[in-house]
PDB file of N, CA and C in Angstrom:
ATOM      1  N   UNK A   1    -183.192 154.052 -86.048  1.00  0.00           N
ATOM      2  CA  UNK A   1    -182.698 153.736 -84.727  1.00  0.00           C
ATOM      3  C   UNK A   1    -181.185 153.924 -84.632  1.00  0.00           C
ATOM      4  N   UNK A   2    -180.454 153.588 -85.709  1.00  0.00           N
ATOM      5  CA  UNK A   2    -179.001 153.739 -85.654  1.00  0.00           C
ATOM      6  C   UNK A   2    -178.602 155.201 -85.516  1.00  0.00           C
ATOM      7  N   UNK A   3    -179.431 156.100 -86.044  1.00  0.00           N
ATOM      8  CA  UNK A   3    -179.150 157.526 -85.881  1.00  0.00           C
ATOM      9  C   UNK A   3    -179.184 157.912 -84.410  1.00  0.00           C
ATOM     10  N   UNK A   4    -180.181 157.416 -83.679  1.00  0.00           N
ATOM     11  CA  UNK A   4    -180.278 157.725 -82.257  1.00  0.00           C
ATOM     12  C   UNK A   4    -179.121 157.126 -81.477  1.00  0.00           C
ATOM     13  N   UNK A   5    -178.705 155.913 -81.863  1.00  0.00           N
ATOM     14  CA  UNK A   5    -177.554 155.308 -81.189  1.00  0.00           C
ATOM     15  C   UNK A   5    -176.310 156.159 -81.363  1.00  0.00           C
ATOM     16  N   UNK A   6    -176.064 156.614 -82.602  1.00  0.00           N
ATOM     17  CA  UNK A   6    -174.863 157.411 -82.846  1.00  0.00           C
ATOM     18  C   UNK A   6    -174.968 158.770 -82.162  1.00  0.00           C
ATOM     19  N   UNK A   7    -176.179 159.298 -82.076  1.00  0.00           N
ATOM     20  CA  UNK A   7    -176.386 160.595 -81.433  1.00  0.00           C
ATOM     21  C   UNK A   7    -176.086 160.531 -79.946  1.00  0.00           C
ATOM     22  N   UNK A   8    -176.432 159.412 -79.312  1.00  0.00           N
ATOM     23  CA  UNK A   8    -176.249 159.290 -77.868  1.00  0.00           C
ATOM     24  C   UNK A   8    -175.076 158.402 -77.475  1.00  0.00           C
ATOM     25  N   UNK A   9    -174.143 158.218 -78.386  1.00  0.00           N
ATOM     26  CA  UNK A   9    -172.913 157.510 -78.049  1.00  0.00           C
ATOM     27  C   UNK A   9    -173.002 156.002 -78.097  1.00  0.00           C
ATOM     28  N   UNK A  10    -174.032 155.445 -78.705  1.00  0.00           N
ATOM     29  CA  UNK A  10    -174.170 154.004 -78.757  1.00  0.00           C
ATOM     30  C   UNK A  10    -173.524 153.367 -79.973  1.00  0.00           C
ATOM     31  N   UNK A  11    -173.034 154.182 -80.896  1.00  0.00           N
ATOM     32  CA  UNK A  11    -172.423 153.630 -82.111  1.00  0.00           C
ATOM     33  C   UNK A  11    -171.029 153.110 -81.800  1.00  0.00           C
ATOM     34  N   UNK A  12    -170.646 152.057 -82.504  1.00  0.00           N
ATOM     35  CA  UNK A  12    -169.304 151.496 -82.325  1.00  0.00           C
ATOM     36  C   UNK A  12    -168.278 152.398 -82.992  1.00  0.00           C
ATOM     37  N   UNK A  13    -167.176 152.616 -82.295  1.00  0.00           N
ATOM     38  CA  UNK A  13    -166.060 153.357 -82.888  1.00  0.00           C
ATOM     39  C   UNK A  13    -165.267 152.396 -83.764  1.00  0.00           C
ATOM     40  N   UNK A  14    -164.725 152.869 -84.876  1.00  0.00           N
ATOM     41  CA  UNK A  14    -163.901 151.990 -85.708  1.00  0.00           C
ATOM     42  C   UNK A  14    -162.702 151.468 -84.913  1.00  0.00           C
ATOM     43  N   UNK A  15    -162.349 150.241 -85.151  1.00  0.00           N
ATOM     44  CA  UNK A  15    -161.239 149.620 -84.428  1.00  0.00           C
ATOM     45  C   UNK A  15    -159.919 150.261 -84.828  1.00  0.00           C
ATOM     46  N   UNK A  16    -159.036 150.405 -83.855  1.00  0.00           N
ATOM     47  CA  UNK A  16    -157.689 150.911 -84.111  1.00  0.00           C
ATOM     48  C   UNK A  16    -156.885 149.811 -84.787  1.00  0.00           C
ATOM     49  N   UNK A  17    -155.879 150.182 -85.572  1.00  0.00           N
ATOM     50  CA  UNK A  17    -155.041 149.152 -86.187  1.00  0.00           C
ATOM     51  C   UNK A  17    -154.424 148.256 -85.109  1.00  0.00           C
ATOM     52  N   UNK A  18    -154.311 146.962 -85.400  1.00  0.00           N
ATOM     53  CA  UNK A  18    -153.785 146.008 -84.431  1.00  0.00           C
ATOM     54  C   UNK A  18    -152.309 146.254 -84.140  1.00  0.00           C
ATOM     55  N   UNK A  19    -151.574 146.748 -85.115  1.00  0.00           N
ATOM     56  CA  UNK A  19    -150.152 147.013 -84.938  1.00  0.00           C
ATOM     57  C   UNK A  19    -149.794 148.333 -85.589  1.00  0.00           C
ATOM     58  N   UNK A  20    -148.515 148.600 -85.712  1.00  0.00           N
ATOM     59  CA  UNK A  20    -148.110 149.858 -86.351  1.00  0.00           C
ATOM     60  C   UNK A  20    -148.608 149.929 -87.789  1.00  0.00           C
ATOM     61  N   UNK A  21    -149.034 151.108 -88.182  1.00  0.00           N
ATOM     62  CA  UNK A  21    -149.502 151.307 -89.547  1.00  0.00           C
ATOM     63  C   UNK A  21    -148.316 151.309 -90.514  1.00  0.00           C
ATOM     64  N   UNK A  22    -147.232 151.951 -90.102  1.00  0.00           N
ATOM     65  CA  UNK A  22    -145.991 152.009 -90.893  1.00  0.00           C
ATOM     66  C   UNK A  22    -144.815 151.996 -89.931  1.00  0.00           C
ATOM     67  N   UNK A  23    -143.668 151.531 -90.422  1.00  0.00           N
ATOM     68  CA  UNK A  23    -142.441 151.537 -89.626  1.00  0.00           C
ATOM     69  C   UNK A  23    -141.289 152.018 -90.489  1.00  0.00           C
ATOM     70  N   UNK A  24    -140.240 152.522 -89.825  1.00  0.00           N
ATOM     71  CA  UNK A  24    -139.092 153.090 -90.515  1.00  0.00           C
ATOM     72  C   UNK A  24    -137.858 152.942 -89.646  1.00  0.00           C
ATOM     73  N   UNK A  25    -136.727 152.600 -90.258  1.00  0.00           N
ATOM     74  CA  UNK A  25    -135.436 152.578 -89.565  1.00  0.00           C
ATOM     75  C   UNK A  25    -134.769 153.929 -89.773  1.00  0.00           C
ATOM     76  N   UNK A  26    -134.211 154.503 -88.686  1.00  0.00           N
ATOM     77  CA  UNK A  26    -133.544 155.800 -88.791  1.00  0.00           C
ATOM     78  C   UNK A  26    -132.434 155.866 -87.739  1.00  0.00           C
ATOM     79  N   UNK A  27    -131.198 155.983 -88.175  1.00  0.00           N
ATOM     80  CA  UNK A  27    -130.033 156.172 -87.307  1.00  0.00           C
ATOM     81  C   UNK A  27    -129.941 155.118 -86.196  1.00  0.00           C
ATOM     82  N   UNK A  28    -130.260 153.874 -86.514  1.00  0.00           N
ATOM     83  CA  UNK A  28    -130.173 152.810 -85.524  1.00  0.00           C
ATOM     84  C   UNK A  28    -131.419 152.652 -84.676  1.00  0.00           C
ATOM     85  N   UNK A  29    -132.417 153.458 -84.878  1.00  0.00           N
ATOM     86  CA  UNK A  29    -133.684 153.397 -84.167  1.00  0.00           C
ATOM     87  C   UNK A  29    -134.759 152.858 -85.113  1.00  0.00           C
ATOM     88  N   UNK A  30    -135.827 152.347 -84.550  1.00  0.00           N
ATOM     89  CA  UNK A  30    -136.998 151.962 -85.332  1.00  0.00           C
ATOM     90  C   UNK A  30    -138.153 152.852 -84.890  1.00  0.00           C
ATOM     91  N   UNK A  31    -138.844 153.422 -85.856  1.00  0.00           N
ATOM     92  CA  UNK A  31    -139.998 154.266 -85.580  1.00  0.00           C
ATOM     93  C   UNK A  31    -141.235 153.529 -86.077  1.00  0.00           C
ATOM     94  N   UNK A  32    -142.237 153.406 -85.227  1.00  0.00           N
ATOM     95  CA  UNK A  32    -143.505 152.790 -85.593  1.00  0.00           C
ATOM     96  C   UNK A  32    -144.587 153.870 -85.519  1.00  0.00           C
ATOM     97  N   UNK A  33    -145.309 154.071 -86.602  1.00  0.00           N
ATOM     98  CA  UNK A  33    -146.434 155.003 -86.619  1.00  0.00           C
ATOM     99  C   UNK A  33    -147.665 154.275 -86.109  1.00  0.00           C
ATOM    100  N   UNK A  34    -148.281 154.807 -85.056  1.00  0.00           N
ATOM    101  CA  UNK A  34    -149.449 154.169 -84.447  1.00  0.00           C
ATOM    102  C   UNK A  34    -150.578 155.181 -84.239  1.00  0.00           C
ATOM    103  N   UNK A  35    -151.023 155.851 -85.305  1.00  0.00           N
ATOM    104  CA  UNK A  35    -152.103 156.828 -85.115  1.00  0.00           C
ATOM    105  C   UNK A  35    -153.379 156.139 -84.642  1.00  0.00           C
ATOM    106  N   UNK A  36    -154.194 156.887 -83.920  1.00  0.00           N
ATOM    107  CA  UNK A  36    -155.465 156.346 -83.458  1.00  0.00           C
ATOM    108  C   UNK A  36    -156.569 157.354 -83.722  1.00  0.00           C
ATOM    109  N   UNK A  37    -157.782 156.848 -83.823  1.00  0.00           N
ATOM    110  CA  UNK A  37    -158.898 157.719 -84.135  1.00  0.00           C
ATOM    111  C   UNK A  37    -159.366 158.445 -82.885  1.00  0.00           C
ATOM    112  N   UNK A  38    -159.567 159.741 -83.046  1.00  0.00           N
ATOM    113  CA  UNK A  38    -159.993 160.596 -81.941  1.00  0.00           C
ATOM    114  C   UNK A  38    -160.855 161.707 -82.521  1.00  0.00           C
ATOM    115  N   UNK A  39    -162.083 161.773 -82.120  1.00  0.00           N
ATOM    116  CA  UNK A  39    -162.961 162.857 -82.558  1.00  0.00           C
ATOM    117  C   UNK A  39    -163.166 162.906 -84.065  1.00  0.00           C
ATOM    118  N   UNK A  40    -163.239 161.770 -84.715  1.00  0.00           N
ATOM    119  CA  UNK A  40    -163.475 161.731 -86.149  1.00  0.00           C
ATOM    120  C   UNK A  40    -162.237 161.950 -87.000  1.00  0.00           C
ATOM    121  N   UNK A  41    -161.094 162.169 -86.364  1.00  0.00           N
ATOM    122  CA  UNK A  41    -159.838 162.328 -87.092  1.00  0.00           C
ATOM    123  C   UNK A  41    -158.805 161.390 -86.482  1.00  0.00           C
ATOM    124  N   UNK A  42    -157.601 161.394 -87.036  1.00  0.00           N
ATOM    125  CA  UNK A  42    -156.538 160.525 -86.542  1.00  0.00           C
ATOM    126  C   UNK A  42    -155.465 161.342 -85.839  1.00  0.00           C
ATOM    127  N   UNK A  43    -155.186 160.949 -84.608  1.00  0.00           N
ATOM    128  CA  UNK A  43    -154.208 161.617 -83.753  1.00  0.00           C
ATOM    129  C   UNK A  43    -152.805 161.128 -84.111  1.00  0.00           C
ATOM    130  N   UNK A  44    -151.853 162.057 -84.224  1.00  0.00           N
ATOM    131  CA  UNK A  44    -150.469 161.693 -84.497  1.00  0.00           C
ATOM    132  C   UNK A  44    -149.893 160.999 -83.265  1.00  0.00           C
ATOM    133  N   UNK A  45    -149.419 159.772 -83.455  1.00  0.00           N
ATOM    134  CA  UNK A  45    -148.884 158.980 -82.360  1.00  0.00           C
ATOM    135  C   UNK A  45    -147.867 158.000 -82.932  1.00  0.00           C
ATOM    136  N   UNK A  46    -146.834 157.715 -82.160  1.00  0.00           N
ATOM    137  CA  UNK A  46    -145.840 156.762 -82.618  1.00  0.00           C
ATOM    138  C   UNK A  46    -144.990 156.244 -81.483  1.00  0.00           C
ATOM    139  N   UNK A  47    -144.117 155.292 -81.820  1.00  0.00           N
ATOM    140  CA  UNK A  47    -143.202 154.690 -80.851  1.00  0.00           C
ATOM    141  C   UNK A  47    -141.815 154.664 -81.476  1.00  0.00           C
ATOM    142  N   UNK A  48    -140.824 155.106 -80.697  1.00  0.00           N
ATOM    143  CA  UNK A  48    -139.420 155.034 -81.100  1.00  0.00           C
ATOM    144  C   UNK A  48    -138.778 153.927 -80.272  1.00  0.00           C
ATOM    145  N   UNK A  49    -138.086 152.998 -80.945  1.00  0.00           N
ATOM    146  CA  UNK A  49    -137.454 151.877 -80.257  1.00  0.00           C
ATOM    147  C   UNK A  49    -135.985 151.756 -80.650  1.00  0.00           C
ATOM    148  N   UNK A  50    -135.208 151.233 -79.690  1.00  0.00           N
ATOM    149  CA  UNK A  50    -133.805 150.927 -79.960  1.00  0.00           C
ATOM    150  C   UNK A  50    -133.341 149.900 -78.935  1.00  0.00           C
ATOM    151  N   UNK A  51    -132.542 148.955 -79.399  1.00  0.00           N
ATOM    152  CA  UNK A  51    -131.963 147.987 -78.479  1.00  0.00           C
ATOM    153  C   UNK A  51    -130.663 148.558 -77.937  1.00  0.00           C
ATOM    154  N   UNK A  52    -130.583 148.677 -76.615  1.00  0.00           N
ATOM    155  CA  UNK A  52    -129.398 149.214 -75.945  1.00  0.00           C
ATOM    156  C   UNK A  52    -128.941 148.186 -74.915  1.00  0.00           C
ATOM    157  N   UNK A  53    -127.724 147.710 -75.047  1.00  0.00           N
ATOM    158  CA  UNK A  53    -127.155 146.694 -74.140  1.00  0.00           C
ATOM    159  C   UNK A  53    -128.071 145.478 -74.015  1.00  0.00           C
ATOM    160  N   UNK A  54    -128.630 145.042 -75.131  1.00  0.00           N
ATOM    161  CA  UNK A  54    -129.465 143.845 -75.135  1.00  0.00           C
ATOM    162  C   UNK A  54    -130.892 144.050 -74.646  1.00  0.00           C
ATOM    163  N   UNK A  55    -131.252 145.297 -74.313  1.00  0.00           N
ATOM    164  CA  UNK A  55    -132.603 145.591 -73.819  1.00  0.00           C
ATOM    165  C   UNK A  55    -133.302 146.495 -74.827  1.00  0.00           C
ATOM    166  N   UNK A  56    -134.494 146.095 -75.236  1.00  0.00           N
ATOM    167  CA  UNK A  56    -135.271 146.914 -76.167  1.00  0.00           C
ATOM    168  C   UNK A  56    -135.928 148.045 -75.389  1.00  0.00           C
ATOM    169  N   UNK A  57    -135.528 149.261 -75.715  1.00  0.00           N
ATOM    170  CA  UNK A  57    -136.084 150.458 -75.059  1.00  0.00           C
ATOM    171  C   UNK A  57    -137.097 151.081 -76.008  1.00  0.00           C
ATOM    172  N   UNK A  58    -138.156 151.681 -75.467  1.00  0.00           N
ATOM    173  CA  UNK A  58    -139.144 152.325 -76.316  1.00  0.00           C
ATOM    174  C   UNK A  58    -139.659 153.610 -75.671  1.00  0.00           C
ATOM    175  N   UNK A  59    -140.047 154.530 -76.522  1.00  0.00           N
ATOM    176  CA  UNK A  59    -140.593 155.816 -76.100  1.00  0.00           C
ATOM    177  C   UNK A  59    -141.816 156.103 -76.961  1.00  0.00           C
ATOM    178  N   UNK A  60    -142.970 156.250 -76.339  1.00  0.00           N
ATOM    179  CA  UNK A  60    -144.206 156.564 -77.065  1.00  0.00           C
ATOM    180  C   UNK A  60    -144.383 158.067 -77.080  1.00  0.00           C
ATOM    181  N   UNK A  61    -144.734 158.592 -78.238  1.00  0.00           N
ATOM    182  CA  UNK A  61    -145.005 160.026 -78.339  1.00  0.00           C
ATOM    183  C   UNK A  61    -146.379 160.256 -78.962  1.00  0.00           C
ATOM    184  N   UNK A  62    -147.057 161.263 -78.460  1.00  0.00           N
ATOM    185  CA  UNK A  62    -148.360 161.677 -78.960  1.00  0.00           C
ATOM    186  C   UNK A  62    -148.300 163.183 -79.133  1.00  0.00           C
ATOM    187  N   UNK A  63    -148.745 163.662 -80.258  1.00  0.00           N
ATOM    188  CA  UNK A  63    -148.754 165.090 -80.532  1.00  0.00           C
ATOM    189  C   UNK A  63    -150.185 165.553 -80.750  1.00  0.00           C
ATOM    190  N   UNK A  64    -150.402 166.830 -80.638  1.00  0.00           N
ATOM    191  CA  UNK A  64    -151.744 167.407 -80.767  1.00  0.00           C
ATOM    192  C   UNK A  64    -152.266 167.391 -82.195  1.00  0.00           C
ATOM    193  N   UNK A  65    -151.389 167.148 -83.155  1.00  0.00           N
ATOM    194  CA  UNK A  65    -151.781 167.182 -84.566  1.00  0.00           C
ATOM    195  C   UNK A  65    -152.798 166.089 -84.874  1.00  0.00           C
ATOM    196  N   UNK A  66    -153.834 166.467 -85.623  1.00  0.00           N
ATOM    197  CA  UNK A  66    -154.844 165.515 -86.082  1.00  0.00           C
ATOM    198  C   UNK A  66    -154.990 165.628 -87.588  1.00  0.00           C
ATOM    199  N   UNK A  67    -155.299 164.485 -88.212  1.00  0.00           N
ATOM    200  CA  UNK A  67    -155.379 164.414 -89.671  1.00  0.00           C
ATOM    201  C   UNK A  67    -156.659 163.688 -90.071  1.00  0.00           C
ATOM    202  N   UNK A  68    -157.167 163.970 -91.266  1.00  0.00           N
ATOM    203  CA  UNK A  68    -158.396 163.313 -91.706  1.00  0.00           C
ATOM    204  C   UNK A  68    -158.222 161.821 -92.008  1.00  0.00           C
ATOM    205  N   UNK A  69    -157.009 161.391 -92.344  1.00  0.00           N
ATOM    206  CA  UNK A  69    -156.781 159.992 -92.684  1.00  0.00           C
ATOM    207  C   UNK A  69    -155.652 159.375 -91.879  1.00  0.00           C
ATOM    208  N   UNK A  70    -155.730 158.055 -91.680  1.00  0.00           N
ATOM    209  CA  UNK A  70    -154.711 157.336 -90.919  1.00  0.00           C
ATOM    210  C   UNK A  70    -153.362 157.350 -91.632  1.00  0.00           C
ATOM    211  N   UNK A  71    -153.367 157.235 -92.967  1.00  0.00           N
ATOM    212  CA  UNK A  71    -152.115 157.225 -93.734  1.00  0.00           C
ATOM    213  C   UNK A  71    -151.348 158.535 -93.550  1.00  0.00           C
ATOM    214  N   UNK A  72    -152.063 159.639 -93.636  1.00  0.00           N
ATOM    215  CA  UNK A  72    -151.430 160.948 -93.480  1.00  0.00           C
ATOM    216  C   UNK A  72    -150.869 161.108 -92.062  1.00  0.00           C
ATOM    217  N   UNK A  73    -151.624 160.683 -91.067  1.00  0.00           N
ATOM    218  CA  UNK A  73    -151.155 160.757 -89.680  1.00  0.00           C
ATOM    219  C   UNK A  73    -149.918 159.882 -89.491  1.00  0.00           C
ATOM    220  N   UNK A  74    -149.901 158.712 -90.122  1.00  0.00           N
ATOM    221  CA  UNK A  74    -148.756 157.812 -90.015  1.00  0.00           C
ATOM    222  C   UNK A  74    -147.514 158.425 -90.663  1.00  0.00           C
ATOM    223  N   UNK A  75    -147.688 159.034 -91.820  1.00  0.00           N
ATOM    224  CA  UNK A  75    -146.553 159.675 -92.496  1.00  0.00           C
ATOM    225  C   UNK A  75    -145.933 160.761 -91.624  1.00  0.00           C
ATOM    226  N   UNK A  76    -146.769 161.584 -91.019  1.00  0.00           N
ATOM    227  CA  UNK A  76    -146.253 162.658 -90.168  1.00  0.00           C
ATOM    228  C   UNK A  76    -145.662 162.117 -88.868  1.00  0.00           C
ATOM    229  N   UNK A  77    -146.171 160.984 -88.366  1.00  0.00           N
ATOM    230  CA  UNK A  77    -145.599 160.364 -87.171  1.00  0.00           C
ATOM    231  C   UNK A  77    -144.169 159.902 -87.443  1.00  0.00           C
ATOM    232  N   UNK A  78    -143.919 159.382 -88.635  1.00  0.00           N
ATOM    233  CA  UNK A  78    -142.561 158.961 -88.990  1.00  0.00           C
ATOM    234  C   UNK A  78    -141.618 160.160 -89.057  1.00  0.00           C
ATOM    235  N   UNK A  79    -142.096 161.258 -89.614  1.00  0.00           N
ATOM    236  CA  UNK A  79    -141.289 162.483 -89.687  1.00  0.00           C
ATOM    237  C   UNK A  79    -141.004 163.009 -88.280  1.00  0.00           C
ATOM    238  N   UNK A  80    -142.018 163.044 -87.426  1.00  0.00           N
ATOM    239  CA  UNK A  80    -141.836 163.525 -86.050  1.00  0.00           C
ATOM    240  C   UNK A  80    -140.885 162.609 -85.288  1.00  0.00           C
ATOM    241  N   UNK A  81    -140.982 161.303 -85.499  1.00  0.00           N
ATOM    242  CA  UNK A  81    -140.058 160.376 -84.853  1.00  0.00           C
ATOM    243  C   UNK A  81    -138.614 160.626 -85.262  1.00  0.00           C
ATOM    244  N   UNK A  82    -138.393 160.918 -86.544  1.00  0.00           N
ATOM    245  CA  UNK A  82    -137.042 161.242 -87.018  1.00  0.00           C
ATOM    246  C   UNK A  82    -136.530 162.518 -86.354  1.00  0.00           C
ATOM    247  N   UNK A  83    -137.388 163.507 -86.214  1.00  0.00           N
ATOM    248  CA  UNK A  83    -136.991 164.755 -85.550  1.00  0.00           C
ATOM    249  C   UNK A  83    -136.605 164.502 -84.096  1.00  0.00           C
ATOM    250  N   UNK A  84    -137.388 163.699 -83.406  1.00  0.00           N
ATOM    251  CA  UNK A  84    -137.076 163.384 -82.006  1.00  0.00           C
ATOM    252  C   UNK A  84    -135.720 162.696 -81.884  1.00  0.00           C
ATOM    253  N   UNK A  85    -135.465 161.742 -82.766  1.00  0.00           N
ATOM    254  CA  UNK A  85    -134.185 161.030 -82.745  1.00  0.00           C
ATOM    255  C   UNK A  85    -133.034 161.985 -83.035  1.00  0.00           C
ATOM    256  N   UNK A  86    -133.180 162.820 -84.057  1.00  0.00           N
ATOM    257  CA  UNK A  86    -132.113 163.760 -84.420  1.00  0.00           C
ATOM    258  C   UNK A  86    -131.836 164.763 -83.310  1.00  0.00           C
ATOM    259  N   UNK A  87    -132.864 165.166 -82.580  1.00  0.00           N
ATOM    260  CA  UNK A  87    -132.702 166.155 -81.522  1.00  0.00           C
ATOM    261  C   UNK A  87    -132.242 165.554 -80.208  1.00  0.00           C
ATOM    262  N   UNK A  88    -132.729 164.347 -79.866  1.00  0.00           N
ATOM    263  CA  UNK A  88    -132.481 163.808 -78.529  1.00  0.00           C
ATOM    264  C   UNK A  88    -131.603 162.560 -78.502  1.00  0.00           C
ATOM    265  N   UNK A  89    -131.522 161.828 -79.598  1.00  0.00           N
ATOM    266  CA  UNK A  89    -130.712 160.614 -79.606  1.00  0.00           C
ATOM    267  C   UNK A  89    -131.137 159.642 -78.520  1.00  0.00           C
ATOM    268  N   UNK A  90    -130.177 158.986 -77.875  1.00  0.00           N
ATOM    269  CA  UNK A  90    -130.477 158.000 -76.845  1.00  0.00           C
ATOM    270  C   UNK A  90    -131.101 158.612 -75.594  1.00  0.00           C
ATOM    271  N   UNK A  91    -130.963 159.912 -75.393  1.00  0.00           N
ATOM    272  CA  UNK A  91    -131.558 160.534 -74.203  1.00  0.00           C
ATOM    273  C   UNK A  91    -133.083 160.533 -74.247  1.00  0.00           C
ATOM    274  N   UNK A  92    -133.656 160.179 -75.368  1.00  0.00           N
ATOM    275  CA  UNK A  92    -135.122 160.093 -75.476  1.00  0.00           C
ATOM    276  C   UNK A  92    -135.681 159.070 -74.494  1.00  0.00           C
ATOM    277  N   UNK A  93    -134.861 158.104 -74.057  1.00  0.00           N
ATOM    278  CA  UNK A  93    -135.327 157.045 -73.169  1.00  0.00           C
ATOM    279  C   UNK A  93    -135.158 157.372 -71.700  1.00  0.00           C
ATOM    280  N   UNK A  94    -134.672 158.536 -71.391  1.00  0.00           N
ATOM    281  CA  UNK A  94    -134.452 158.898 -69.968  1.00  0.00           C
ATOM    282  C   UNK A  94    -135.595 159.684 -69.419  1.00  0.00           C
TER     283      UNK A  94
END
């Protein structure tokens, strides 16, 4: 019976992590890796945060890259977050 449930969409999807899988400080910003499961793989996703004038600003990014494991997706999300910061700096929040 469980085979039929999974075949017709009745199977439960694994729960997404409750919080960031990994975090990293880079150039005054904090990067949180938040990959999520999509189509049997993990989608590269993350959040870049920085406190500016007492206000915590954040920018969520999602890329088309998918990985077989959450750890690998999280590692690449941290790298992509660093690239975004290096390229855009504070303008990432505009």
